[in-house]
Amino acid sequence: MYTVKETSTNQLNKSVATEICPVSYTLSKIGNRWKPLIIFELSNGPMRYGVLKKALPNITEKMLIQNLRELEIDNLVTREVKPVVPPHVTYALSEKGDALKPLFESMAQWGRTYWQND
């Protein structure tokens, strides 16, 4: 990963935007290439890491791990590790993550309506 200069103008503007706008806040939590797809896959129920990786074949292992960690830090995803060999790791949407389902359904409907018009 890389370090972010917290005092840069870009970081300050980003911080202000997420503090004053709920939409910007939401997008800061789910708005990259992979997080919506991960959340979509987990919306059907808990998944083991390997199953989730197979469901998203184009994501690199590094990006999947990084995005799962960020989603976990933001309390959108839970991670359960069972102490067996090999480790059994299951990911699931948290209550906060599950609350995103109606938002994603609305976004999907909007996309289906306007996708072909561009």
PDB file of N, CA and C in Angstrom:
ATOM      1  N   MET A   1       0.837  -1.175   0.000  1.00  0.00           N
ATOM      2  CA  MET A   1       0.000   0.000   0.000  1.00  0.00           C
ATOM      3  C   MET A   1       0.876   1.230   0.000  1.00  0.00           C
ATOM      4  N   TYR A   2       0.257   2.356  -0.137  1.00  0.00           N
ATOM      5  CA  TYR A   2       0.988   3.603  -0.205  1.00  0.00           C
ATOM      6  C   TYR A   2       0.557   4.503   0.943  1.00  0.00           C
ATOM      7  N   THR A   3       1.390   5.486   1.254  1.00  0.00           N
ATOM      8  CA  THR A   3       1.028   6.425   2.305  1.00  0.00           C
ATOM      9  C   THR A   3       0.361   7.639   1.683  1.00  0.00           C
ATOM     10  N   VAL A   4      -0.572   8.194   2.398  1.00  0.00           N
ATOM     11  CA  VAL A   4      -1.308   9.362   1.931  1.00  0.00           C
ATOM     12  C   VAL A   4      -0.895  10.544   2.785  1.00  0.00           C
ATOM     13  N   LYS A   5      -0.521  11.615   2.126  1.00  0.00           N
ATOM     14  CA  LYS A   5      -0.166  12.827   2.844  1.00  0.00           C
ATOM     15  C   LYS A   5      -1.457  13.464   3.342  1.00  0.00           C
ATOM     16  N   GLU A   6      -1.693  13.357   4.643  1.00  0.00           N
ATOM     17  CA  GLU A   6      -2.953  13.793   5.240  1.00  0.00           C
ATOM     18  C   GLU A   6      -3.190  15.293   5.119  1.00  0.00           C
ATOM     19  N   THR A   7      -2.123  16.084   4.947  1.00  0.00           N
ATOM     20  CA  THR A   7      -2.281  17.541   4.898  1.00  0.00           C
ATOM     21  C   THR A   7      -2.373  18.080   3.473  1.00  0.00           C
ATOM     22  N   SER A   8      -2.454  17.186   2.479  1.00  0.00           N
ATOM     23  CA  SER A   8      -2.551  17.656   1.103  1.00  0.00           C
ATOM     24  C   SER A   8      -3.915  18.315   0.873  1.00  0.00           C
ATOM     25  N   THR A   9      -3.958  19.220  -0.072  1.00  0.00           N
ATOM     26  CA  THR A   9      -5.210  19.906  -0.405  1.00  0.00           C
ATOM     27  C   THR A   9      -6.272  18.904  -0.815  1.00  0.00           C
ATOM     28  N   ASN A  10      -5.883  17.895  -1.588  1.00  0.00           N
ATOM     29  CA  ASN A  10      -6.835  16.883  -2.028  1.00  0.00           C
ATOM     30  C   ASN A  10      -7.448  16.150  -0.838  1.00  0.00           C
ATOM     31  N   GLN A  11      -6.629  15.755   0.134  1.00  0.00           N
ATOM     32  CA  GLN A  11      -7.135  15.044   1.310  1.00  0.00           C
ATOM     33  C   GLN A  11      -8.028  15.934   2.163  1.00  0.00           C
ATOM     34  N   LEU A  12      -7.660  17.207   2.280  1.00  0.00           N
ATOM     35  CA  LEU A  12      -8.496  18.142   3.050  1.00  0.00           C
ATOM     36  C   LEU A  12      -9.851  18.340   2.376  1.00  0.00           C
ATOM     37  N   ASN A  13      -9.852  18.492   1.057  1.00  0.00           N
ATOM     38  CA  ASN A  13     -11.112  18.646   0.325  1.00  0.00           C
ATOM     39  C   ASN A  13     -11.977  17.394   0.445  1.00  0.00           C
ATOM     40  N   LYS A  14     -11.344  16.243   0.352  1.00  0.00           N
ATOM     41  CA  LYS A  14     -12.062  14.968   0.493  1.00  0.00           C
ATOM     42  C   LYS A  14     -12.689  14.864   1.882  1.00  0.00           C
ATOM     43  N   SER A  15     -11.935  15.249   2.884  1.00  0.00           N
ATOM     44  CA  SER A  15     -12.417  15.203   4.260  1.00  0.00           C
ATOM     45  C   SER A  15     -13.625  16.114   4.451  1.00  0.00           C
ATOM     46  N   VAL A  16     -13.540  17.317   3.927  1.00  0.00           N
ATOM     47  CA  VAL A  16     -14.649  18.269   4.049  1.00  0.00           C
ATOM     48  C   VAL A  16     -15.882  17.743   3.323  1.00  0.00           C
ATOM     49  N   ALA A  17     -15.687  17.209   2.125  1.00  0.00           N
ATOM     50  CA  ALA A  17     -16.821  16.702   1.341  1.00  0.00           C
ATOM     51  C   ALA A  17     -17.548  15.585   2.078  1.00  0.00           C
ATOM     52  N   THR A  18     -16.794  14.671   2.708  1.00  0.00           N
ATOM     53  CA  THR A  18     -17.449  13.562   3.403  1.00  0.00           C
ATOM     54  C   THR A  18     -18.076  13.991   4.719  1.00  0.00           C
ATOM     55  N   GLU A  19     -17.648  15.132   5.253  1.00  0.00           N
ATOM     56  CA  GLU A  19     -18.245  15.639   6.495  1.00  0.00           C
ATOM     57  C   GLU A  19     -19.548  16.390   6.247  1.00  0.00           C
ATOM     58  N   ILE A  20     -19.675  17.022   5.086  1.00  0.00           N
ATOM     59  CA  ILE A  20     -20.859  17.855   4.846  1.00  0.00           C
ATOM     60  C   ILE A  20     -21.886  17.227   3.916  1.00  0.00           C
ATOM     61  N   CYS A  21     -21.522  16.144   3.243  1.00  0.00           N
ATOM     62  CA  CYS A  21     -22.441  15.556   2.273  1.00  0.00           C
ATOM     63  C   CYS A  21     -22.608  14.061   2.534  1.00  0.00           C
ATOM     64  N   PRO A  22     -23.817  13.620   2.868  1.00  0.00           N
ATOM     65  CA  PRO A  22     -24.028  12.200   3.141  1.00  0.00           C
ATOM     66  C   PRO A  22     -23.762  11.304   1.924  1.00  0.00           C
ATOM     67  N   VAL A  23     -24.005  11.828   0.728  1.00  0.00           N
ATOM     68  CA  VAL A  23     -23.744  11.037  -0.477  1.00  0.00           C
ATOM     69  C   VAL A  23     -22.239  10.826  -0.631  1.00  0.00           C
ATOM     70  N   SER A  24     -21.450  11.869  -0.418  1.00  0.00           N
ATOM     71  CA  SER A  24     -19.991  11.744  -0.489  1.00  0.00           C
ATOM     72  C   SER A  24     -19.486  10.771   0.564  1.00  0.00           C
ATOM     73  N   TYR A  25     -20.066  10.815   1.759  1.00  0.00           N
ATOM     74  CA  TYR A  25     -19.689   9.880   2.815  1.00  0.00           C
ATOM     75  C   TYR A  25     -19.956   8.438   2.363  1.00  0.00           C
ATOM     76  N   THR A  26     -21.148   8.200   1.827  1.00  0.00           N
ATOM     77  CA  THR A  26     -21.510   6.857   1.371  1.00  0.00           C
ATOM     78  C   THR A  26     -20.567   6.387   0.280  1.00  0.00           C
ATOM     79  N   LEU A  27     -20.298   7.248  -0.696  1.00  0.00           N
ATOM     80  CA  LEU A  27     -19.402   6.872  -1.783  1.00  0.00           C
ATOM     81  C   LEU A  27     -17.982   6.620  -1.292  1.00  0.00           C
ATOM     82  N   SER A  28     -17.571   7.315  -0.234  1.00  0.00           N
ATOM     83  CA  SER A  28     -16.229   7.074   0.299  1.00  0.00           C
ATOM     84  C   SER A  28     -16.117   5.669   0.890  1.00  0.00           C
ATOM     85  N   LYS A  29     -17.232   5.095   1.289  1.00  0.00           N
ATOM     86  CA  LYS A  29     -17.225   3.753   1.884  1.00  0.00           C
ATOM     87  C   LYS A  29     -17.390   2.644   0.846  1.00  0.00           C
ATOM     88  N   ILE A  30     -18.122   2.916  -0.230  1.00  0.00           N
ATOM     89  CA  ILE A  30     -18.433   1.854  -1.197  1.00  0.00           C
ATOM     90  C   ILE A  30     -18.016   2.191  -2.619  1.00  0.00           C
ATOM     91  N   GLY A  31     -17.433   3.354  -2.847  1.00  0.00           N
ATOM     92  CA  GLY A  31     -17.243   3.838  -4.205  1.00  0.00           C
ATOM     93  C   GLY A  31     -15.901   3.551  -4.836  1.00  0.00           C
ATOM     94  N   ASN A  32     -15.530   2.314  -4.993  1.00  0.00           N
ATOM     95  CA  ASN A  32     -14.398   1.995  -5.852  1.00  0.00           C
ATOM     96  C   ASN A  32     -14.820   0.859  -6.779  1.00  0.00           C
ATOM     97  N   ARG A  33     -13.905   0.342  -7.535  1.00  0.00           N
ATOM     98  CA  ARG A  33     -14.245  -0.662  -8.541  1.00  0.00           C
ATOM     99  C   ARG A  33     -14.768  -1.958  -7.936  1.00  0.00           C
ATOM    100  N   TRP A  34     -14.211  -2.406  -6.814  1.00  0.00           N
ATOM    101  CA  TRP A  34     -14.495  -3.744  -6.314  1.00  0.00           C
ATOM    102  C   TRP A  34     -15.480  -3.814  -5.160  1.00  0.00           C
ATOM    103  N   LYS A  35     -15.550  -2.801  -4.337  1.00  0.00           N
ATOM    104  CA  LYS A  35     -16.418  -2.887  -3.154  1.00  0.00           C
ATOM    105  C   LYS A  35     -17.879  -3.160  -3.491  1.00  0.00           C
ATOM    106  N   PRO A  36     -18.460  -2.499  -4.493  1.00  0.00           N
ATOM    107  CA  PRO A  36     -19.860  -2.837  -4.810  1.00  0.00           C
ATOM    108  C   PRO A  36     -20.040  -4.299  -5.223  1.00  0.00           C
ATOM    109  N   LEU A  37     -19.073  -4.834  -5.958  1.00  0.00           N
ATOM    110  CA  LEU A  37     -19.180  -6.235  -6.379  1.00  0.00           C
ATOM    111  C   LEU A  37     -19.039  -7.191  -5.195  1.00  0.00           C
ATOM    112  N   ILE A  38     -18.144  -6.868  -4.275  1.00  0.00           N
ATOM    113  CA  ILE A  38     -17.982  -7.693  -3.074  1.00  0.00           C
ATOM    114  C   ILE A  38     -19.260  -7.655  -2.238  1.00  0.00           C
ATOM    115  N   ILE A  39     -19.792  -6.459  -2.041  1.00  0.00           N
ATOM    116  CA  ILE A  39     -21.033  -6.318  -1.264  1.00  0.00           C
ATOM    117  C   ILE A  39     -22.172  -7.055  -1.951  1.00  0.00           C
ATOM    118  N   PHE A  40     -22.256  -6.951  -3.279  1.00  0.00           N
ATOM    119  CA  PHE A  40     -23.303  -7.656  -4.023  1.00  0.00           C
ATOM    120  C   PHE A  40     -23.200  -9.160  -3.807  1.00  0.00           C
ATOM    121  N   GLU A  41     -21.994  -9.709  -3.911  1.00  0.00           N
ATOM    122  CA  GLU A  41     -21.817 -11.156  -3.721  1.00  0.00           C
ATOM    123  C   GLU A  41     -22.196 -11.580  -2.307  1.00  0.00           C
ATOM    124  N   LEU A  42     -21.827 -10.770  -1.316  1.00  0.00           N
ATOM    125  CA  LEU A  42     -22.132 -11.114   0.073  1.00  0.00           C
ATOM    126  C   LEU A  42     -23.591 -10.852   0.435  1.00  0.00           C
ATOM    127  N   SER A  43     -24.315 -10.156  -0.413  1.00  0.00           N
ATOM    128  CA  SER A  43     -25.726  -9.864  -0.109  1.00  0.00           C
ATOM    129  C   SER A  43     -26.586 -11.127  -0.137  1.00  0.00           C
ATOM    130  N   ASN A  44     -26.087 -12.185  -0.753  1.00  0.00           N
ATOM    131  CA  ASN A  44     -26.817 -13.455  -0.788  1.00  0.00           C
ATOM    132  C   ASN A  44     -26.516 -14.340   0.406  1.00  0.00           C
ATOM    133  N   GLY A  45     -25.594 -13.888   1.266  1.00  0.00           N
ATOM    134  CA  GLY A  45     -25.271 -14.663   2.455  1.00  0.00           C
ATOM    135  C   GLY A  45     -23.774 -14.789   2.629  1.00  0.00           C
ATOM    136  N   PRO A  46     -23.350 -15.324   3.783  1.00  0.00           N
ATOM    137  CA  PRO A  46     -21.926 -15.466   4.081  1.00  0.00           C
ATOM    138  C   PRO A  46     -21.220 -16.328   3.039  1.00  0.00           C
ATOM    139  N   MET A  47     -19.953 -16.005   2.798  1.00  0.00           N
ATOM    140  CA  MET A  47     -19.157 -16.765   1.834  1.00  0.00           C
ATOM    141  C   MET A  47     -17.750 -16.976   2.382  1.00  0.00           C
ATOM    142  N   ARG A  48     -17.213 -18.134   2.100  1.00  0.00           N
ATOM    143  CA  ARG A  48     -15.804 -18.378   2.408  1.00  0.00           C
ATOM    144  C   ARG A  48     -14.962 -17.596   1.418  1.00  0.00           C
ATOM    145  N   TYR A  49     -13.730 -17.302   1.817  1.00  0.00           N
ATOM    146  CA  TYR A  49     -12.834 -16.497   0.997  1.00  0.00           C
ATOM    147  C   TYR A  49     -12.674 -17.083  -0.411  1.00  0.00           C
ATOM    148  N   GLY A  50     -12.418 -18.384  -0.504  1.00  0.00           N
ATOM    149  CA  GLY A  50     -12.196 -19.021  -1.803  1.00  0.00           C
ATOM    150  C   GLY A  50     -13.396 -18.933  -2.725  1.00  0.00           C
ATOM    151  N   VAL A  51     -14.587 -19.070  -2.174  1.00  0.00           N
ATOM    152  CA  VAL A  51     -15.809 -18.969  -2.967  1.00  0.00           C
ATOM    153  C   VAL A  51     -15.988 -17.541  -3.464  1.00  0.00           C
ATOM    154  N   LEU A  52     -15.711 -16.584  -2.590  1.00  0.00           N
ATOM    155  CA  LEU A  52     -15.803 -15.173  -2.973  1.00  0.00           C
ATOM    156  C   LEU A  52     -14.794 -14.861  -4.070  1.00  0.00           C
ATOM    157  N   LYS A  53     -13.601 -15.372  -3.957  1.00  0.00           N
ATOM    158  CA  LYS A  53     -12.560 -15.151  -4.979  1.00  0.00           C
ATOM    159  C   LYS A  53     -13.004 -15.725  -6.315  1.00  0.00           C
ATOM    160  N   LYS A  54     -13.611 -16.905  -6.320  1.00  0.00           N
ATOM    161  CA  LYS A  54     -14.098 -17.516  -7.570  1.00  0.00           C
ATOM    162  C   LYS A  54     -15.255 -16.722  -8.164  1.00  0.00           C
ATOM    163  N   ALA A  55     -16.050 -16.091  -7.314  1.00  0.00           N
ATOM    164  CA  ALA A  55     -17.180 -15.297  -7.801  1.00  0.00           C
ATOM    165  C   ALA A  55     -16.712 -14.002  -8.467  1.00  0.00           C
ATOM    166  N   LEU A  56     -15.492 -13.590  -8.141  1.00  0.00           N
ATOM    167  CA  LEU A  56     -14.912 -12.365  -8.704  1.00  0.00           C
ATOM    168  C   LEU A  56     -13.582 -12.722  -9.373  1.00  0.00           C
ATOM    169  N   PRO A  57     -13.616 -13.430 -10.498  1.00  0.00           N
ATOM    170  CA  PRO A  57     -12.383 -13.971 -11.075  1.00  0.00           C
ATOM    171  C   PRO A  57     -11.381 -12.919 -11.560  1.00  0.00           C
ATOM    172  N   ASN A  58     -11.821 -11.703 -11.836  1.00  0.00           N
ATOM    173  CA  ASN A  58     -10.909 -10.687 -12.362  1.00  0.00           C
ATOM    174  C   ASN A  58     -10.189  -9.885 -11.287  1.00  0.00           C
ATOM    175  N   ILE A  59     -10.555 -10.063 -10.042  1.00  0.00           N
ATOM    176  CA  ILE A  59      -9.900  -9.318  -8.964  1.00  0.00           C
ATOM    177  C   ILE A  59      -8.630 -10.064  -8.543  1.00  0.00           C
ATOM    178  N   THR A  60      -7.581  -9.308  -8.285  1.00  0.00           N
ATOM    179  CA  THR A  60      -6.361  -9.946  -7.788  1.00  0.00           C
ATOM    180  C   THR A  60      -6.539 -10.272  -6.313  1.00  0.00           C
ATOM    181  N   GLU A  61      -5.736 -11.209  -5.846  1.00  0.00           N
ATOM    182  CA  GLU A  61      -5.826 -11.585  -4.433  1.00  0.00           C
ATOM    183  C   GLU A  61      -5.517 -10.383  -3.545  1.00  0.00           C
ATOM    184  N   LYS A  62      -4.517  -9.602  -3.933  1.00  0.00           N
ATOM    185  CA  LYS A  62      -4.138  -8.416  -3.158  1.00  0.00           C
ATOM    186  C   LYS A  62      -5.309  -7.443  -3.050  1.00  0.00           C
ATOM    187  N   MET A  63      -5.991  -7.188  -4.164  1.00  0.00           N
ATOM    188  CA  MET A  63      -7.101  -6.234  -4.152  1.00  0.00           C
ATOM    189  C   MET A  63      -8.292  -6.771  -3.360  1.00  0.00           C
ATOM    190  N   LEU A  64      -8.555  -8.069  -3.461  1.00  0.00           N
ATOM    191  CA  LEU A  64      -9.658  -8.647  -2.696  1.00  0.00           C
ATOM    192  C   LEU A  64      -9.381  -8.526  -1.204  1.00  0.00           C
ATOM    193  N   ILE A  65      -8.179  -8.880  -0.792  1.00  0.00           N
ATOM    194  CA  ILE A  65      -7.823  -8.787   0.625  1.00  0.00           C
ATOM    195  C   ILE A  65      -7.896  -7.344   1.105  1.00  0.00           C
ATOM    196  N   GLN A  66      -7.339  -6.428   0.321  1.00  0.00           N
ATOM    197  CA  GLN A  66      -7.342  -5.009   0.697  1.00  0.00           C
ATOM    198  C   GLN A  66      -8.758  -4.467   0.835  1.00  0.00           C
ATOM    199  N   ASN A  67      -9.622  -4.786  -0.125  1.00  0.00           N
ATOM    200  CA  ASN A  67     -10.996  -4.288  -0.066  1.00  0.00           C
ATOM    201  C   ASN A  67     -11.784  -4.930   1.054  1.00  0.00           C
ATOM    202  N   LEU A  68     -11.580  -6.210   1.304  1.00  0.00           N
ATOM    203  CA  LEU A  68     -12.262  -6.864   2.423  1.00  0.00           C
ATOM    204  C   LEU A  68     -11.828  -6.241   3.752  1.00  0.00           C
ATOM    205  N   ARG A  69     -10.542  -5.933   3.880  1.00  0.00           N
ATOM    206  CA  ARG A  69     -10.061  -5.296   5.117  1.00  0.00           C
ATOM    207  C   ARG A  69     -10.692  -3.921   5.298  1.00  0.00           C
ATOM    208  N   GLU A  70     -10.755  -3.134   4.224  1.00  0.00           N
ATOM    209  CA  GLU A  70     -11.364  -1.803   4.312  1.00  0.00           C
ATOM    210  C   GLU A  70     -12.846  -1.901   4.665  1.00  0.00           C
ATOM    211  N   LEU A  71     -13.545  -2.853   4.061  1.00  0.00           N
ATOM    212  CA  LEU A  71     -14.965  -3.041   4.370  1.00  0.00           C
ATOM    213  C   LEU A  71     -15.149  -3.489   5.817  1.00  0.00           C
ATOM    214  N   GLU A  72     -14.221  -4.279   6.302  1.00  0.00           N
ATOM    215  CA  GLU A  72     -14.270  -4.727   7.700  1.00  0.00           C
ATOM    216  C   GLU A  72     -13.996  -3.552   8.646  1.00  0.00           C
ATOM    217  N   ILE A  73     -13.010  -2.731   8.322  1.00  0.00           N
ATOM    218  CA  ILE A  73     -12.696  -1.554   9.139  1.00  0.00           C
ATOM    219  C   ILE A  73     -13.883  -0.605   9.191  1.00  0.00           C
ATOM    220  N   ASP A  74     -14.605  -0.477   8.077  1.00  0.00           N
ATOM    221  CA  ASP A  74     -15.782   0.398   8.009  1.00  0.00           C
ATOM    222  C   ASP A  74     -17.035  -0.265   8.570  1.00  0.00           C
ATOM    223  N   ASN A  75     -16.882  -1.456   9.131  1.00  0.00           N
ATOM    224  CA  ASN A  75     -17.995  -2.209   9.739  1.00  0.00           C
ATOM    225  C   ASN A  75     -19.113  -2.535   8.755  1.00  0.00           C
ATOM    226  N   LEU A  76     -18.756  -2.767   7.503  1.00  0.00           N
ATOM    227  CA  LEU A  76     -19.739  -3.174   6.504  1.00  0.00           C
ATOM    228  C   LEU A  76     -19.709  -4.689   6.305  1.00  0.00           C
ATOM    229  N   VAL A  77     -18.586  -5.307   6.654  1.00  0.00           N
ATOM    230  CA  VAL A  77     -18.392  -6.747   6.484  1.00  0.00           C
ATOM    231  C   VAL A  77     -17.813  -7.308   7.778  1.00  0.00           C
ATOM    232  N   THR A  78     -18.241  -8.510   8.114  1.00  0.00           N
ATOM    233  CA  THR A  78     -17.654  -9.207   9.256  1.00  0.00           C
ATOM    234  C   THR A  78     -16.797 -10.353   8.741  1.00  0.00           C
ATOM    235  N   ARG A  79     -15.803 -10.684   9.525  1.00  0.00           N
ATOM    236  CA  ARG A  79     -14.866 -11.765   9.180  1.00  0.00           C
ATOM    237  C   ARG A  79     -14.836 -12.736  10.349  1.00  0.00           C
ATOM    238  N   GLU A  80     -15.138 -13.998  10.051  1.00  0.00           N
ATOM    239  CA  GLU A  80     -15.124 -15.027  11.091  1.00  0.00           C
ATOM    240  C   GLU A  80     -14.074 -16.074  10.738  1.00  0.00           C
ATOM    241  N   VAL A  81     -13.155 -16.298  11.656  1.00  0.00           N
ATOM    242  CA  VAL A  81     -12.098 -17.286  11.451  1.00  0.00           C
ATOM    243  C   VAL A  81     -12.340 -18.448  12.405  1.00  0.00           C
ATOM    244  N   LYS A  82     -12.424 -19.642  11.849  1.00  0.00           N
ATOM    245  CA  LYS A  82     -12.568 -20.839  12.681  1.00  0.00           C
ATOM    246  C   LYS A  82     -11.196 -21.479  12.823  1.00  0.00           C
ATOM    247  N   PRO A  83     -10.823 -21.839  14.050  1.00  0.00           N
ATOM    248  CA  PRO A  83      -9.477 -22.364  14.309  1.00  0.00           C
ATOM    249  C   PRO A  83      -9.306 -23.820  13.878  1.00  0.00           C
ATOM    250  N   VAL A  84      -9.289 -24.012  12.576  1.00  0.00           N
ATOM    251  CA  VAL A  84      -9.043 -25.342  12.028  1.00  0.00           C
ATOM    252  C   VAL A  84      -7.896 -25.224  11.031  1.00  0.00           C
ATOM    253  N   VAL A  85      -7.363 -26.372  10.605  1.00  0.00           N
ATOM    254  CA  VAL A  85      -6.298 -26.371   9.613  1.00  0.00           C
ATOM    255  C   VAL A  85      -6.845 -27.015   8.352  1.00  0.00           C
ATOM    256  N   PRO A  86      -6.822 -26.341   7.209  1.00  0.00           N
ATOM    257  CA  PRO A  86      -6.419 -24.950   7.015  1.00  0.00           C
ATOM    258  C   PRO A  86      -7.474 -24.006   7.584  1.00  0.00           C
ATOM    259  N   PRO A  87      -7.095 -22.749   7.836  1.00  0.00           N
ATOM    260  CA  PRO A  87      -8.050 -21.803   8.427  1.00  0.00           C
ATOM    261  C   PRO A  87      -9.326 -21.671   7.587  1.00  0.00           C
ATOM    262  N   HIS A  88     -10.430 -21.600   8.265  1.00  0.00           N
ATOM    263  CA  HIS A  88     -11.744 -21.469   7.636  1.00  0.00           C
ATOM    264  C   HIS A  88     -12.205 -20.032   7.894  1.00  0.00           C
ATOM    265  N   VAL A  89     -12.135 -19.188   6.864  1.00  0.00           N
ATOM    266  CA  VAL A  89     -12.493 -17.780   7.006  1.00  0.00           C
ATOM    267  C   VAL A  89     -13.777 -17.528   6.227  1.00  0.00           C
ATOM    268  N   THR A  90     -14.757 -16.948   6.911  1.00  0.00           N
ATOM    269  CA  THR A  90     -16.040 -16.633   6.291  1.00  0.00           C
ATOM    270  C   THR A  90     -16.298 -15.139   6.408  1.00  0.00           C
ATOM    271  N   TYR A  91     -16.753 -14.563   5.305  1.00  0.00           N
ATOM    272  CA  TYR A  91     -17.108 -13.142   5.278  1.00  0.00           C
ATOM    273  C   TYR A  91     -18.618 -13.024   5.118  1.00  0.00           C
ATOM    274  N   ALA A  92     -19.181 -12.000   5.755  1.00  0.00           N
ATOM    275  CA  ALA A  92     -20.622 -11.748   5.669  1.00  0.00           C
ATOM    276  C   ALA A  92     -20.862 -10.254   5.803  1.00  0.00           C
ATOM    277  N   LEU A  93     -21.999  -9.801   5.325  1.00  0.00           N
ATOM    278  CA  LEU A  93     -22.364  -8.411   5.539  1.00  0.00           C
ATOM    279  C   LEU A  93     -22.744  -8.229   6.999  1.00  0.00           C
ATOM    280  N   SER A  94     -22.301  -7.138   7.575  1.00  0.00           N
ATOM    281  CA  SER A  94     -22.718  -6.787   8.932  1.00  0.00           C
ATOM    282  C   SER A  94     -24.114  -6.181   8.846  1.00  0.00           C
ATOM    283  N   GLU A  95     -24.668  -5.812   9.973  1.00  0.00           N
ATOM    284  CA  GLU A  95     -25.979  -5.150   9.971  1.00  0.00           C
ATOM    285  C   GLU A  95     -25.898  -3.849   9.167  1.00  0.00           C
ATOM    286  N   LYS A  96     -24.812  -3.115   9.367  1.00  0.00           N
ATOM    287  CA  LYS A  96     -24.601  -1.864   8.632  1.00  0.00           C
ATOM    288  C   LYS A  96     -24.457  -2.129   7.126  1.00  0.00           C
ATOM    289  N   GLY A  97     -23.732  -3.179   6.769  1.00  0.00           N
ATOM    290  CA  GLY A  97     -23.571  -3.544   5.364  1.00  0.00           C
ATOM    291  C   GLY A  97     -24.868  -4.031   4.751  1.00  0.00           C
ATOM    292  N   ASP A  98     -25.640  -4.785   5.531  1.00  0.00           N
ATOM    293  CA  ASP A  98     -26.923  -5.296   5.057  1.00  0.00           C
ATOM    294  C   ASP A  98     -27.893  -4.152   4.765  1.00  0.00           C
ATOM    295  N   ALA A  99     -27.742  -3.045   5.484  1.00  0.00           N
ATOM    296  CA  ALA A  99     -28.612  -1.883   5.267  1.00  0.00           C
ATOM    297  C   ALA A  99     -28.364  -1.234   3.903  1.00  0.00           C
ATOM    298  N   LEU A 100     -27.284  -1.611   3.226  1.00  0.00           N
ATOM    299  CA  LEU A 100     -26.984  -1.068   1.897  1.00  0.00           C
ATOM    300  C   LEU A 100     -27.797  -1.744   0.791  1.00  0.00           C
ATOM    301  N   LYS A 101     -28.415  -2.878   1.070  1.00  0.00           N
ATOM    302  CA  LYS A 101     -29.136  -3.626   0.038  1.00  0.00           C
ATOM    303  C   LYS A 101     -30.161  -2.776  -0.720  1.00  0.00           C
ATOM    304  N   PRO A 102     -31.029  -2.026  -0.038  1.00  0.00           N
ATOM    305  CA  PRO A 102     -31.992  -1.207  -0.797  1.00  0.00           C
ATOM    306  C   PRO A 102     -31.303  -0.165  -1.674  1.00  0.00           C
ATOM    307  N   LEU A 103     -30.213   0.392  -1.194  1.00  0.00           N
ATOM    308  CA  LEU A 103     -29.451   1.357  -1.985  1.00  0.00           C
ATOM    309  C   LEU A 103     -28.922   0.702  -3.256  1.00  0.00           C
ATOM    310  N   PHE A 104     -28.352  -0.487  -3.126  1.00  0.00           N
ATOM    311  CA  PHE A 104     -27.815  -1.191  -4.281  1.00  0.00           C
ATOM    312  C   PHE A 104     -28.928  -1.600  -5.241  1.00  0.00           C
ATOM    313  N   GLU A 105     -30.076  -1.984  -4.715  1.00  0.00           N
ATOM    314  CA  GLU A 105     -31.206  -2.332  -5.579  1.00  0.00           C
ATOM    315  C   GLU A 105     -31.666  -1.117  -6.369  1.00  0.00           C
ATOM    316  N   SER A 106     -31.722   0.048  -5.728  1.00  0.00           N
ATOM    317  CA  SER A 106     -32.098   1.284  -6.424  1.00  0.00           C
ATOM    318  C   SER A 106     -31.061   1.662  -7.474  1.00  0.00           C
ATOM    319  N   MET A 107     -29.797   1.519  -7.130  1.00  0.00           N
ATOM    320  CA  MET A 107     -28.740   1.828  -8.089  1.00  0.00           C
ATOM    321  C   MET A 107     -28.790   0.878  -9.283  1.00  0.00           C
ATOM    322  N   ALA A 108     -29.064  -0.391  -9.029  1.00  0.00           N
ATOM    323  CA  ALA A 108     -29.161  -1.368 -10.115  1.00  0.00           C
ATOM    324  C   ALA A 108     -30.332  -1.034 -11.029  1.00  0.00           C
ATOM    325  N   GLN A 109     -31.447  -0.646 -10.447  1.00  0.00           N
ATOM    326  CA  GLN A 109     -32.607  -0.277 -11.261  1.00  0.00           C
ATOM    327  C   GLN A 109     -32.297   0.945 -12.118  1.00  0.00           C
ATOM    328  N   TRP A 110     -31.646   1.933 -11.540  1.00  0.00           N
ATOM    329  CA  TRP A 110     -31.253   3.124 -12.285  1.00  0.00           C
ATOM    330  C   TRP A 110     -30.317   2.740 -13.431  1.00  0.00           C
ATOM    331  N   GLY A 111     -29.364   1.854 -13.138  1.00  0.00           N
ATOM    332  CA  GLY A 111     -28.424   1.398 -14.160  1.00  0.00           C
ATOM    333  C   GLY A 111     -29.106   0.649 -15.290  1.00  0.00           C
ATOM    334  N   ARG A 112     -30.055  -0.222 -14.950  1.00  0.00           N
ATOM    335  CA  ARG A 112     -30.785  -0.951 -15.984  1.00  0.00           C
ATOM    336  C   ARG A 112     -31.577   0.006 -16.864  1.00  0.00           C
ATOM    337  N   THR A 113     -32.113   1.059 -16.275  1.00  0.00           N
ATOM    338  CA  THR A 113     -32.913   2.027 -17.022  1.00  0.00           C
ATOM    339  C   THR A 113     -32.062   2.852 -17.981  1.00  0.00           C
ATOM    340  N   TYR A 114     -30.886   3.294 -17.540  1.00  0.00           N
ATOM    341  CA  TYR A 114     -30.110   4.244 -18.325  1.00  0.00           C
ATOM    342  C   TYR A 114     -28.846   3.687 -18.978  1.00  0.00           C
ATOM    343  N   TRP A 115     -28.481   2.462 -18.690  1.00  0.00           N
ATOM    344  CA  TRP A 115     -27.265   1.853 -19.194  1.00  0.00           C
ATOM    345  C   TRP A 115     -27.177   1.893 -20.724  1.00  0.00           C
ATOM    346  N   GLN A 116     -28.207   1.467 -21.379  1.00  0.00           N
ATOM    347  CA  GLN A 116     -28.194   1.353 -22.836  1.00  0.00           C
ATOM    348  C   GLN A 116     -28.327   2.704 -23.546  1.00  0.00           C
ATOM    349  N   ASN A 117     -28.678   3.744 -22.801  1.00  0.00           N
ATOM    350  CA  ASN A 117     -28.892   5.063 -23.413  1.00  0.00           C
ATOM    351  C   ASN A 117     -27.599   5.862 -23.580  1.00  0.00           C
ATOM    352  N   ASP A 118     -26.506   5.390 -23.022  1.00  0.00           N
ATOM    353  CA  ASP A 118     -25.232   6.121 -23.141  1.00  0.00           C
ATOM    354  C   ASP A 118     -24.457   5.715 -24.360  1.00  0.00           C
TER     355      ASP A 118
END
